[in-house]
Amino acid sequence: KYLDDRFGLGLFPPALAGLQDLLWPVI
């Protein structure tokens, strides 16, 4: 998340926050 903010990568858009939080622990 720091790298995402620092470089403006858009990897953690607010619209996907809950969904990604469910998926990445499974991965």
mmCIF file of all heavy atoms, coordinates in Angstrom:
data_MODEL
# 
_entry.id   MODEL 
# 
loop_
_atom_site.group_PDB 
_atom_site.id 
_atom_site.type_symbol 
_atom_site.label_atom_id 
_atom_site.label_alt_id 
_atom_site.label_comp_id 
_atom_site.label_asym_id 
_atom_site.label_entity_id 
_atom_site.label_seq_id 
_atom_site.pdbx_PDB_ins_code 
_atom_site.Cartn_x 
_atom_site.Cartn_y 
_atom_site.Cartn_z 
_atom_site.occupancy 
_atom_site.B_iso_or_equiv 
_atom_site.pdbx_formal_charge 
_atom_site.auth_seq_id 
_atom_site.auth_comp_id 
_atom_site.auth_asym_id 
_atom_site.auth_atom_id 
_atom_site.pdbx_PDB_model_num 
ATOM 1   N N   . LYS A 1 1  ? 0.827   -1.210  0.000   1.00 0.00 ? 1  LYS A N   1 
ATOM 2   C CA  . LYS A 1 1  ? 0.000   0.000   0.000   1.00 0.00 ? 1  LYS A CA  1 
ATOM 3   C C   . LYS A 1 1  ? 0.863   1.263   0.000   1.00 0.00 ? 1  LYS A C   1 
ATOM 4   O O   . LYS A 1 1  ? 0.509   2.267   -0.624  1.00 0.00 ? 1  LYS A O   1 
ATOM 5   C CB  . LYS A 1 1  ? -0.970  -0.024  1.180   1.00 0.00 ? 1  LYS A CB  1 
ATOM 6   C CG  . LYS A 1 1  ? -2.065  -1.064  0.979   1.00 0.00 ? 1  LYS A CG  1 
ATOM 7   C CD  . LYS A 1 1  ? -3.005  -1.175  2.150   1.00 0.00 ? 1  LYS A CD  1 
ATOM 8   C CE  . LYS A 1 1  ? -4.060  -2.237  1.872   1.00 0.00 ? 1  LYS A CE  1 
ATOM 9   N NZ  . LYS A 1 1  ? -4.972  -2.431  2.980   1.00 0.00 ? 1  LYS A NZ  1 
ATOM 10  N N   . TYR A 1 2  ? 2.001   1.202   0.663   1.00 0.00 ? 2  TYR A N   1 
ATOM 11  C CA  . TYR A 1 2  ? 2.913   2.349   0.635   1.00 0.00 ? 2  TYR A CA  1 
ATOM 12  C C   . TYR A 1 2  ? 3.412   2.589   -0.792  1.00 0.00 ? 2  TYR A C   1 
ATOM 13  O O   . TYR A 1 2  ? 3.402   3.727   -1.273  1.00 0.00 ? 2  TYR A O   1 
ATOM 14  C CB  . TYR A 1 2  ? 4.108   2.117   1.576   1.00 0.00 ? 2  TYR A CB  1 
ATOM 15  C CG  . TYR A 1 2  ? 5.130   3.221   1.488   1.00 0.00 ? 2  TYR A CG  1 
ATOM 16  C CD1 . TYR A 1 2  ? 4.956   4.403   2.202   1.00 0.00 ? 2  TYR A CD1 1 
ATOM 17  C CD2 . TYR A 1 2  ? 6.233   3.105   0.658   1.00 0.00 ? 2  TYR A CD2 1 
ATOM 18  C CE1 . TYR A 1 2  ? 5.876   5.437   2.095   1.00 0.00 ? 2  TYR A CE1 1 
ATOM 19  C CE2 . TYR A 1 2  ? 7.157   4.130   0.544   1.00 0.00 ? 2  TYR A CE2 1 
ATOM 20  C CZ  . TYR A 1 2  ? 6.979   5.293   1.265   1.00 0.00 ? 2  TYR A CZ  1 
ATOM 21  O OH  . TYR A 1 2  ? 7.888   6.319   1.146   1.00 0.00 ? 2  TYR A OH  1 
ATOM 22  N N   . LEU A 1 3  ? 3.850   1.532   -1.457  1.00 0.00 ? 3  LEU A N   1 
ATOM 23  C CA  . LEU A 1 3  ? 4.331   1.666   -2.834  1.00 0.00 ? 3  LEU A CA  1 
ATOM 24  C C   . LEU A 1 3  ? 3.225   2.135   -3.769  1.00 0.00 ? 3  LEU A C   1 
ATOM 25  O O   . LEU A 1 3  ? 3.458   2.939   -4.669  1.00 0.00 ? 3  LEU A O   1 
ATOM 26  C CB  . LEU A 1 3  ? 4.925   0.345   -3.320  1.00 0.00 ? 3  LEU A CB  1 
ATOM 27  C CG  . LEU A 1 3  ? 6.223   -0.080  -2.643  1.00 0.00 ? 3  LEU A CG  1 
ATOM 28  C CD1 . LEU A 1 3  ? 6.589   -1.504  -3.038  1.00 0.00 ? 3  LEU A CD1 1 
ATOM 29  C CD2 . LEU A 1 3  ? 7.346   0.884   -2.952  1.00 0.00 ? 3  LEU A CD2 1 
ATOM 30  N N   . ASP A 1 4  ? 2.017   1.645   -3.544  1.00 0.00 ? 4  ASP A N   1 
ATOM 31  C CA  . ASP A 1 4  ? 0.874   2.060   -4.341  1.00 0.00 ? 4  ASP A CA  1 
ATOM 32  C C   . ASP A 1 4  ? 0.640   3.567   -4.195  1.00 0.00 ? 4  ASP A C   1 
ATOM 33  O O   . ASP A 1 4  ? 0.472   4.280   -5.188  1.00 0.00 ? 4  ASP A O   1 
ATOM 34  C CB  . ASP A 1 4  ? -0.355  1.276   -3.904  1.00 0.00 ? 4  ASP A CB  1 
ATOM 35  C CG  . ASP A 1 4  ? -1.568  1.584   -4.755  1.00 0.00 ? 4  ASP A CG  1 
ATOM 36  O OD1 . ASP A 1 4  ? -1.468  1.491   -5.994  1.00 0.00 ? 4  ASP A OD1 1 
ATOM 37  O OD2 . ASP A 1 4  ? -2.628  1.903   -4.182  1.00 0.00 ? 4  ASP A OD2 1 
ATOM 38  N N   . ASP A 1 5  ? 0.652   4.054   -2.948  1.00 0.00 ? 5  ASP A N   1 
ATOM 39  C CA  . ASP A 1 5  ? 0.479   5.493   -2.709  1.00 0.00 ? 5  ASP A CA  1 
ATOM 40  C C   . ASP A 1 5  ? 1.652   6.292   -3.263  1.00 0.00 ? 5  ASP A C   1 
ATOM 41  O O   . ASP A 1 5  ? 1.456   7.326   -3.901  1.00 0.00 ? 5  ASP A O   1 
ATOM 42  C CB  . ASP A 1 5  ? 0.345   5.784   -1.206  1.00 0.00 ? 5  ASP A CB  1 
ATOM 43  C CG  . ASP A 1 5  ? -0.986  5.322   -0.631  1.00 0.00 ? 5  ASP A CG  1 
ATOM 44  O OD1 . ASP A 1 5  ? -1.931  5.093   -1.425  1.00 0.00 ? 5  ASP A OD1 1 
ATOM 45  O OD2 . ASP A 1 5  ? -1.067  5.179   0.603   1.00 0.00 ? 5  ASP A OD2 1 
ATOM 46  N N   . ARG A 1 6  ? 2.843   5.829   -3.012  1.00 0.00 ? 6  ARG A N   1 
ATOM 47  C CA  . ARG A 1 6  ? 4.061   6.560   -3.399  1.00 0.00 ? 6  ARG A CA  1 
ATOM 48  C C   . ARG A 1 6  ? 4.153   6.763   -4.902  1.00 0.00 ? 6  ARG A C   1 
ATOM 49  O O   . ARG A 1 6  ? 4.565   7.801   -5.385  1.00 0.00 ? 6  ARG A O   1 
ATOM 50  C CB  . ARG A 1 6  ? 5.286   5.786   -2.889  1.00 0.00 ? 6  ARG A CB  1 
ATOM 51  C CG  . ARG A 1 6  ? 6.630   6.308   -3.323  1.00 0.00 ? 6  ARG A CG  1 
ATOM 52  C CD  . ARG A 1 6  ? 7.073   7.462   -2.446  1.00 0.00 ? 6  ARG A CD  1 
ATOM 53  N NE  . ARG A 1 6  ? 8.465   7.773   -2.610  1.00 0.00 ? 6  ARG A NE  1 
ATOM 54  C CZ  . ARG A 1 6  ? 8.956   8.535   -3.578  1.00 0.00 ? 6  ARG A CZ  1 
ATOM 55  N NH1 . ARG A 1 6  ? 8.150   9.036   -4.497  1.00 0.00 ? 6  ARG A NH1 1 
ATOM 56  N NH2 . ARG A 1 6  ? 10.244  8.799   -3.639  1.00 0.00 ? 6  ARG A NH2 1 
ATOM 57  N N   . PHE A 1 7  ? 3.769   5.729   -5.669  1.00 0.00 ? 7  PHE A N   1 
ATOM 58  C CA  . PHE A 1 7  ? 3.926   5.796   -7.118  1.00 0.00 ? 7  PHE A CA  1 
ATOM 59  C C   . PHE A 1 7  ? 2.598   5.931   -7.866  1.00 0.00 ? 7  PHE A C   1 
ATOM 60  O O   . PHE A 1 7  ? 2.578   5.897   -9.092  1.00 0.00 ? 7  PHE A O   1 
ATOM 61  C CB  . PHE A 1 7  ? 4.702   4.569   -7.617  1.00 0.00 ? 7  PHE A CB  1 
ATOM 62  C CG  . PHE A 1 7  ? 6.109   4.532   -7.103  1.00 0.00 ? 7  PHE A CG  1 
ATOM 63  C CD1 . PHE A 1 7  ? 6.468   3.662   -6.099  1.00 0.00 ? 7  PHE A CD1 1 
ATOM 64  C CD2 . PHE A 1 7  ? 7.063   5.403   -7.599  1.00 0.00 ? 7  PHE A CD2 1 
ATOM 65  C CE1 . PHE A 1 7  ? 7.754   3.635   -5.601  1.00 0.00 ? 7  PHE A CE1 1 
ATOM 66  C CE2 . PHE A 1 7  ? 8.358   5.393   -7.113  1.00 0.00 ? 7  PHE A CE2 1 
ATOM 67  C CZ  . PHE A 1 7  ? 8.710   4.511   -6.110  1.00 0.00 ? 7  PHE A CZ  1 
ATOM 68  N N   . GLY A 1 8  ? 1.494   6.078   -7.149  1.00 0.00 ? 8  GLY A N   1 
ATOM 69  C CA  . GLY A 1 8  ? 0.195   6.270   -7.791  1.00 0.00 ? 8  GLY A CA  1 
ATOM 70  C C   . GLY A 1 8  ? -0.183  5.138   -8.722  1.00 0.00 ? 8  GLY A C   1 
ATOM 71  O O   . GLY A 1 8  ? -0.651  5.369   -9.828  1.00 0.00 ? 8  GLY A O   1 
ATOM 72  N N   . LEU A 1 9  ? 0.013   3.909   -8.280  1.00 0.00 ? 9  LEU A N   1 
ATOM 73  C CA  . LEU A 1 9  ? -0.220  2.745   -9.135  1.00 0.00 ? 9  LEU A CA  1 
ATOM 74  C C   . LEU A 1 9  ? -1.688  2.366   -9.278  1.00 0.00 ? 9  LEU A C   1 
ATOM 75  O O   . LEU A 1 9  ? -2.066  1.684   -10.218 1.00 0.00 ? 9  LEU A O   1 
ATOM 76  C CB  . LEU A 1 9  ? 0.571   1.541   -8.597  1.00 0.00 ? 9  LEU A CB  1 
ATOM 77  C CG  . LEU A 1 9  ? 2.079   1.755   -8.491  1.00 0.00 ? 9  LEU A CG  1 
ATOM 78  C CD1 . LEU A 1 9  ? 2.728   0.576   -7.773  1.00 0.00 ? 9  LEU A CD1 1 
ATOM 79  C CD2 . LEU A 1 9  ? 2.684   1.966   -9.864  1.00 0.00 ? 9  LEU A CD2 1 
ATOM 80  N N   . GLY A 1 10 ? -2.507  2.769   -8.337  1.00 0.00 ? 10 GLY A N   1 
ATOM 81  C CA  . GLY A 1 10 ? -3.930  2.446   -8.415  1.00 0.00 ? 10 GLY A CA  1 
ATOM 82  C C   . GLY A 1 10 ? -4.241  0.982   -8.163  1.00 0.00 ? 10 GLY A C   1 
ATOM 83  O O   . GLY A 1 10 ? -5.245  0.469   -8.654  1.00 0.00 ? 10 GLY A O   1 
ATOM 84  N N   . LEU A 1 11 ? -3.402  0.296   -7.405  1.00 0.00 ? 11 LEU A N   1 
ATOM 85  C CA  . LEU A 1 11 ? -3.600  -1.132  -7.146  1.00 0.00 ? 11 LEU A CA  1 
ATOM 86  C C   . LEU A 1 11 ? -4.632  -1.419  -6.062  1.00 0.00 ? 11 LEU A C   1 
ATOM 87  O O   . LEU A 1 11 ? -5.126  -2.529  -5.957  1.00 0.00 ? 11 LEU A O   1 
ATOM 88  C CB  . LEU A 1 11 ? -2.268  -1.788  -6.760  1.00 0.00 ? 11 LEU A CB  1 
ATOM 89  C CG  . LEU A 1 11 ? -1.176  -1.736  -7.818  1.00 0.00 ? 11 LEU A CG  1 
ATOM 90  C CD1 . LEU A 1 11 ? 0.110   -2.347  -7.278  1.00 0.00 ? 11 LEU A CD1 1 
ATOM 91  C CD2 . LEU A 1 11 ? -1.618  -2.428  -9.091  1.00 0.00 ? 11 LEU A CD2 1 
ATOM 92  N N   . PHE A 1 12 ? -4.932  -0.412  -5.252  1.00 0.00 ? 12 PHE A N   1 
ATOM 93  C CA  . PHE A 1 12 ? -5.880  -0.578  -4.150  1.00 0.00 ? 12 PHE A CA  1 
ATOM 94  C C   . PHE A 1 12 ? -7.002  0.455   -4.247  1.00 0.00 ? 12 PHE A C   1 
ATOM 95  O O   . PHE A 1 12 ? -7.170  1.281   -3.359  1.00 0.00 ? 12 PHE A O   1 
ATOM 96  C CB  . PHE A 1 12 ? -5.169  -0.417  -2.799  1.00 0.00 ? 12 PHE A CB  1 
ATOM 97  C CG  . PHE A 1 12 ? -4.182  -1.505  -2.484  1.00 0.00 ? 12 PHE A CG  1 
ATOM 98  C CD1 . PHE A 1 12 ? -2.840  -1.349  -2.783  1.00 0.00 ? 12 PHE A CD1 1 
ATOM 99  C CD2 . PHE A 1 12 ? -4.594  -2.674  -1.875  1.00 0.00 ? 12 PHE A CD2 1 
ATOM 100 C CE1 . PHE A 1 12 ? -1.916  -2.343  -2.481  1.00 0.00 ? 12 PHE A CE1 1 
ATOM 101 C CE2 . PHE A 1 12 ? -3.675  -3.677  -1.564  1.00 0.00 ? 12 PHE A CE2 1 
ATOM 102 C CZ  . PHE A 1 12 ? -2.339  -3.506  -1.876  1.00 0.00 ? 12 PHE A CZ  1 
ATOM 103 N N   . PRO A 1 13 ? -7.801  0.442   -5.308  1.00 0.00 ? 13 PRO A N   1 
ATOM 104 C CA  . PRO A 1 13 ? -8.875  1.435   -5.404  1.00 0.00 ? 13 PRO A CA  1 
ATOM 105 C C   . PRO A 1 13 ? -9.906  1.212   -4.304  1.00 0.00 ? 13 PRO A C   1 
ATOM 106 O O   . PRO A 1 13 ? -10.205 0.062   -3.958  1.00 0.00 ? 13 PRO A O   1 
ATOM 107 C CB  . PRO A 1 13 ? -9.461  1.201   -6.788  1.00 0.00 ? 13 PRO A CB  1 
ATOM 108 C CG  . PRO A 1 13 ? -9.131  -0.211  -7.109  1.00 0.00 ? 13 PRO A CG  1 
ATOM 109 C CD  . PRO A 1 13 ? -7.818  -0.495  -6.427  1.00 0.00 ? 13 PRO A CD  1 
ATOM 110 N N   . PRO A 1 14 ? -10.440 2.285   -3.750  1.00 0.00 ? 14 PRO A N   1 
ATOM 111 C CA  . PRO A 1 14 ? -11.433 2.149   -2.672  1.00 0.00 ? 14 PRO A CA  1 
ATOM 112 C C   . PRO A 1 14 ? -12.613 1.245   -3.037  1.00 0.00 ? 14 PRO A C   1 
ATOM 113 O O   . PRO A 1 14 ? -13.121 0.521   -2.183  1.00 0.00 ? 14 PRO A O   1 
ATOM 114 C CB  . PRO A 1 14 ? -11.890 3.584   -2.427  1.00 0.00 ? 14 PRO A CB  1 
ATOM 115 C CG  . PRO A 1 14 ? -10.743 4.432   -2.887  1.00 0.00 ? 14 PRO A CG  1 
ATOM 116 C CD  . PRO A 1 14 ? -10.128 3.693   -4.046  1.00 0.00 ? 14 PRO A CD  1 
ATOM 117 N N   . ALA A 1 15 ? -13.020 1.246   -4.286  1.00 0.00 ? 15 ALA A N   1 
ATOM 118 C CA  . ALA A 1 15 ? -14.172 0.438   -4.700  1.00 0.00 ? 15 ALA A CA  1 
ATOM 119 C C   . ALA A 1 15 ? -13.923 -1.069  -4.560  1.00 0.00 ? 15 ALA A C   1 
ATOM 120 O O   . ALA A 1 15 ? -14.864 -1.842  -4.463  1.00 0.00 ? 15 ALA A O   1 
ATOM 121 C CB  . ALA A 1 15 ? -14.542 0.758   -6.147  1.00 0.00 ? 15 ALA A CB  1 
ATOM 122 N N   . LEU A 1 16 ? -12.646 -1.474  -4.516  1.00 0.00 ? 16 LEU A N   1 
ATOM 123 C CA  . LEU A 1 16 ? -12.319 -2.903  -4.418  1.00 0.00 ? 16 LEU A CA  1 
ATOM 124 C C   . LEU A 1 16 ? -11.730 -3.275  -3.059  1.00 0.00 ? 16 LEU A C   1 
ATOM 125 O O   . LEU A 1 16 ? -11.293 -4.410  -2.861  1.00 0.00 ? 16 LEU A O   1 
ATOM 126 C CB  . LEU A 1 16 ? -11.323 -3.289  -5.516  1.00 0.00 ? 16 LEU A CB  1 
ATOM 127 C CG  . LEU A 1 16 ? -11.806 -3.126  -6.951  1.00 0.00 ? 16 LEU A CG  1 
ATOM 128 C CD1 . LEU A 1 16 ? -10.695 -3.484  -7.928  1.00 0.00 ? 16 LEU A CD1 1 
ATOM 129 C CD2 . LEU A 1 16 ? -13.038 -3.977  -7.205  1.00 0.00 ? 16 LEU A CD2 1 
ATOM 130 N N   . ALA A 1 17 ? -11.730 -2.332  -2.128  1.00 0.00 ? 17 ALA A N   1 
ATOM 131 C CA  . ALA A 1 17 ? -11.048 -2.554  -0.843  1.00 0.00 ? 17 ALA A CA  1 
ATOM 132 C C   . ALA A 1 17 ? -11.517 -3.824  -0.139  1.00 0.00 ? 17 ALA A C   1 
ATOM 133 O O   . ALA A 1 17 ? -10.717 -4.677  0.214   1.00 0.00 ? 17 ALA A O   1 
ATOM 134 C CB  . ALA A 1 17 ? -11.235 -1.348  0.068   1.00 0.00 ? 17 ALA A CB  1 
ATOM 135 N N   . GLY A 1 18 ? -12.761 -3.992  0.075   1.00 0.00 ? 18 GLY A N   1 
ATOM 136 C CA  . GLY A 1 18 ? -13.243 -5.175  0.783   1.00 0.00 ? 18 GLY A CA  1 
ATOM 137 C C   . GLY A 1 18 ? -13.014 -6.455  0.003   1.00 0.00 ? 18 GLY A C   1 
ATOM 138 O O   . GLY A 1 18 ? -12.627 -7.480  0.565   1.00 0.00 ? 18 GLY A O   1 
ATOM 139 N N   . LEU A 1 19 ? -13.226 -6.394  -1.302  1.00 0.00 ? 19 LEU A N   1 
ATOM 140 C CA  . LEU A 1 19 ? -13.058 -7.577  -2.136  1.00 0.00 ? 19 LEU A CA  1 
ATOM 141 C C   . LEU A 1 19 ? -11.602 -8.034  -2.158  1.00 0.00 ? 19 LEU A C   1 
ATOM 142 O O   . LEU A 1 19 ? -11.311 -9.223  -2.002  1.00 0.00 ? 19 LEU A O   1 
ATOM 143 C CB  . LEU A 1 19 ? -13.560 -7.282  -3.552  1.00 0.00 ? 19 LEU A CB  1 
ATOM 144 C CG  . LEU A 1 19 ? -13.605 -8.441  -4.530  1.00 0.00 ? 19 LEU A CG  1 
ATOM 145 C CD1 . LEU A 1 19 ? -14.402 -9.614  -3.948  1.00 0.00 ? 19 LEU A CD1 1 
ATOM 146 C CD2 . LEU A 1 19 ? -14.220 -7.978  -5.837  1.00 0.00 ? 19 LEU A CD2 1 
ATOM 147 N N   . GLN A 1 20 ? -10.685 -7.113  -2.338  1.00 0.00 ? 20 GLN A N   1 
ATOM 148 C CA  . GLN A 1 20 ? -9.275  -7.502  -2.334  1.00 0.00 ? 20 GLN A CA  1 
ATOM 149 C C   . GLN A 1 20 ? -8.851  -8.021  -0.969  1.00 0.00 ? 20 GLN A C   1 
ATOM 150 O O   . GLN A 1 20 ? -8.062  -8.958  -0.873  1.00 0.00 ? 20 GLN A O   1 
ATOM 151 C CB  . GLN A 1 20 ? -8.374  -6.336  -2.776  1.00 0.00 ? 20 GLN A CB  1 
ATOM 152 C CG  . GLN A 1 20 ? -8.513  -6.029  -4.253  1.00 0.00 ? 20 GLN A CG  1 
ATOM 153 C CD  . GLN A 1 20 ? -7.304  -5.342  -4.809  1.00 0.00 ? 20 GLN A CD  1 
ATOM 154 O OE1 . GLN A 1 20 ? -6.507  -5.981  -5.463  1.00 0.00 ? 20 GLN A OE1 1 
ATOM 155 N NE2 . GLN A 1 20 ? -7.152  -4.043  -4.547  1.00 0.00 ? 20 GLN A NE2 1 
ATOM 156 N N   . ASP A 1 21 ? -9.398  -7.435  0.090   1.00 0.00 ? 21 ASP A N   1 
ATOM 157 C CA  . ASP A 1 21 ? -9.064  -7.897  1.440   1.00 0.00 ? 21 ASP A CA  1 
ATOM 158 C C   . ASP A 1 21 ? -9.552  -9.328  1.679   1.00 0.00 ? 21 ASP A C   1 
ATOM 159 O O   . ASP A 1 21 ? -8.983  -10.047 2.502   1.00 0.00 ? 21 ASP A O   1 
ATOM 160 C CB  . ASP A 1 21 ? -9.654  -6.961  2.496   1.00 0.00 ? 21 ASP A CB  1 
ATOM 161 C CG  . ASP A 1 21 ? -8.925  -5.627  2.551   1.00 0.00 ? 21 ASP A CG  1 
ATOM 162 O OD1 . ASP A 1 21 ? -7.803  -5.531  2.020   1.00 0.00 ? 21 ASP A OD1 1 
ATOM 163 O OD2 . ASP A 1 21 ? -9.486  -4.679  3.126   1.00 0.00 ? 21 ASP A OD2 1 
ATOM 164 N N   . LEU A 1 22 ? -10.583 -9.747  0.982   1.00 0.00 ? 22 LEU A N   1 
ATOM 165 C CA  . LEU A 1 22 ? -11.038 -11.135 1.069   1.00 0.00 ? 22 LEU A CA  1 
ATOM 166 C C   . LEU A 1 22 ? -10.172 -12.068 0.227   1.00 0.00 ? 22 LEU A C   1 
ATOM 167 O O   . LEU A 1 22 ? -9.924  -13.216 0.616   1.00 0.00 ? 22 LEU A O   1 
ATOM 168 C CB  . LEU A 1 22 ? -12.490 -11.252 0.597   1.00 0.00 ? 22 LEU A CB  1 
ATOM 169 C CG  . LEU A 1 22 ? -13.557 -10.662 1.503   1.00 0.00 ? 22 LEU A CG  1 
ATOM 170 C CD1 . LEU A 1 22 ? -14.908 -10.674 0.791   1.00 0.00 ? 22 LEU A CD1 1 
ATOM 171 C CD2 . LEU A 1 22 ? -13.632 -11.423 2.807   1.00 0.00 ? 22 LEU A CD2 1 
ATOM 172 N N   . LEU A 1 23 ? -9.723  -11.579 -0.924  1.00 0.00 ? 23 LEU A N   1 
ATOM 173 C CA  . LEU A 1 23 ? -9.011  -12.437 -1.867  1.00 0.00 ? 23 LEU A CA  1 
ATOM 174 C C   . LEU A 1 23 ? -7.541  -12.670 -1.543  1.00 0.00 ? 23 LEU A C   1 
ATOM 175 O O   . LEU A 1 23 ? -7.055  -13.790 -1.653  1.00 0.00 ? 23 LEU A O   1 
ATOM 176 C CB  . LEU A 1 23 ? -9.123  -11.861 -3.284  1.00 0.00 ? 23 LEU A CB  1 
ATOM 177 C CG  . LEU A 1 23 ? -10.470 -12.004 -3.952  1.00 0.00 ? 23 LEU A CG  1 
ATOM 178 C CD1 . LEU A 1 23 ? -10.501 -11.243 -5.265  1.00 0.00 ? 23 LEU A CD1 1 
ATOM 179 C CD2 . LEU A 1 23 ? -10.797 -13.468 -4.170  1.00 0.00 ? 23 LEU A CD2 1 
ATOM 180 N N   . TRP A 1 24 ? -6.817  -11.602 -1.178  1.00 0.00 ? 24 TRP A N   1 
ATOM 181 C CA  . TRP A 1 24 ? -5.374  -11.822 -1.040  1.00 0.00 ? 24 TRP A CA  1 
ATOM 182 C C   . TRP A 1 24 ? -4.999  -12.786 0.075   1.00 0.00 ? 24 TRP A C   1 
ATOM 183 O O   . TRP A 1 24 ? -4.044  -13.547 -0.079  1.00 0.00 ? 24 TRP A O   1 
ATOM 184 C CB  . TRP A 1 24 ? -4.585  -10.503 -1.007  1.00 0.00 ? 24 TRP A CB  1 
ATOM 185 C CG  . TRP A 1 24 ? -4.678  -9.664  0.225   1.00 0.00 ? 24 TRP A CG  1 
ATOM 186 C CD1 . TRP A 1 24 ? -5.397  -8.519  0.371   1.00 0.00 ? 24 TRP A CD1 1 
ATOM 187 C CD2 . TRP A 1 24 ? -4.014  -9.882  1.473   1.00 0.00 ? 24 TRP A CD2 1 
ATOM 188 N NE1 . TRP A 1 24 ? -5.245  -8.032  1.639   1.00 0.00 ? 24 TRP A NE1 1 
ATOM 189 C CE2 . TRP A 1 24 ? -4.385  -8.842  2.337   1.00 0.00 ? 24 TRP A CE2 1 
ATOM 190 C CE3 . TRP A 1 24 ? -3.149  -10.853 1.954   1.00 0.00 ? 24 TRP A CE3 1 
ATOM 191 C CZ2 . TRP A 1 24 ? -3.921  -8.755  3.640   1.00 0.00 ? 24 TRP A CZ2 1 
ATOM 192 C CZ3 . TRP A 1 24 ? -2.689  -10.761 3.250   1.00 0.00 ? 24 TRP A CZ3 1 
ATOM 193 C CH2 . TRP A 1 24 ? -3.083  -9.713  4.074   1.00 0.00 ? 24 TRP A CH2 1 
ATOM 194 N N   . PRO A 1 25 ? -5.739  -12.866 1.200   1.00 0.00 ? 25 PRO A N   1 
ATOM 195 C CA  . PRO A 1 25 ? -5.384  -13.910 2.176   1.00 0.00 ? 25 PRO A CA  1 
ATOM 196 C C   . PRO A 1 25 ? -5.568  -15.336 1.630   1.00 0.00 ? 25 PRO A C   1 
ATOM 197 O O   . PRO A 1 25 ? -4.820  -16.238 1.990   1.00 0.00 ? 25 PRO A O   1 
ATOM 198 C CB  . PRO A 1 25 ? -6.321  -13.643 3.360   1.00 0.00 ? 25 PRO A CB  1 
ATOM 199 C CG  . PRO A 1 25 ? -6.665  -12.192 3.238   1.00 0.00 ? 25 PRO A CG  1 
ATOM 200 C CD  . PRO A 1 25 ? -6.752  -11.945 1.755   1.00 0.00 ? 25 PRO A CD  1 
ATOM 201 N N   . VAL A 1 26 ? -6.531  -15.533 0.758   1.00 0.00 ? 26 VAL A N   1 
ATOM 202 C CA  . VAL A 1 26 ? -6.711  -16.843 0.128   1.00 0.00 ? 26 VAL A CA  1 
ATOM 203 C C   . VAL A 1 26 ? -5.497  -17.152 -0.754  1.00 0.00 ? 26 VAL A C   1 
ATOM 204 O O   . VAL A 1 26 ? -4.948  -18.257 -0.723  1.00 0.00 ? 26 VAL A O   1 
ATOM 205 C CB  . VAL A 1 26 ? -8.014  -16.883 -0.704  1.00 0.00 ? 26 VAL A CB  1 
ATOM 206 C CG1 . VAL A 1 26 ? -8.102  -18.153 -1.535  1.00 0.00 ? 26 VAL A CG1 1 
ATOM 207 C CG2 . VAL A 1 26 ? -9.219  -16.729 0.197   1.00 0.00 ? 26 VAL A CG2 1 
ATOM 208 N N   . ILE A 1 27 ? -5.071  -16.165 -1.511  1.00 0.00 ? 27 ILE A N   1 
ATOM 209 C CA  . ILE A 1 27 ? -3.907  -16.337 -2.378  1.00 0.00 ? 27 ILE A CA  1 
ATOM 210 C C   . ILE A 1 27 ? -2.670  -16.648 -1.545  1.00 0.00 ? 27 ILE A C   1 
ATOM 211 O O   . ILE A 1 27 ? -1.899  -17.555 -1.869  1.00 0.00 ? 27 ILE A O   1 
ATOM 212 C CB  . ILE A 1 27 ? -3.686  -15.076 -3.243  1.00 0.00 ? 27 ILE A CB  1 
ATOM 213 C CG1 . ILE A 1 27 ? -4.843  -14.894 -4.231  1.00 0.00 ? 27 ILE A CG1 1 
ATOM 214 C CG2 . ILE A 1 27 ? -2.340  -15.134 -3.958  1.00 0.00 ? 27 ILE A CG2 1 
ATOM 215 C CD1 . ILE A 1 27 ? -4.895  -13.543 -4.913  1.00 0.00 ? 27 ILE A CD1 1 
# 
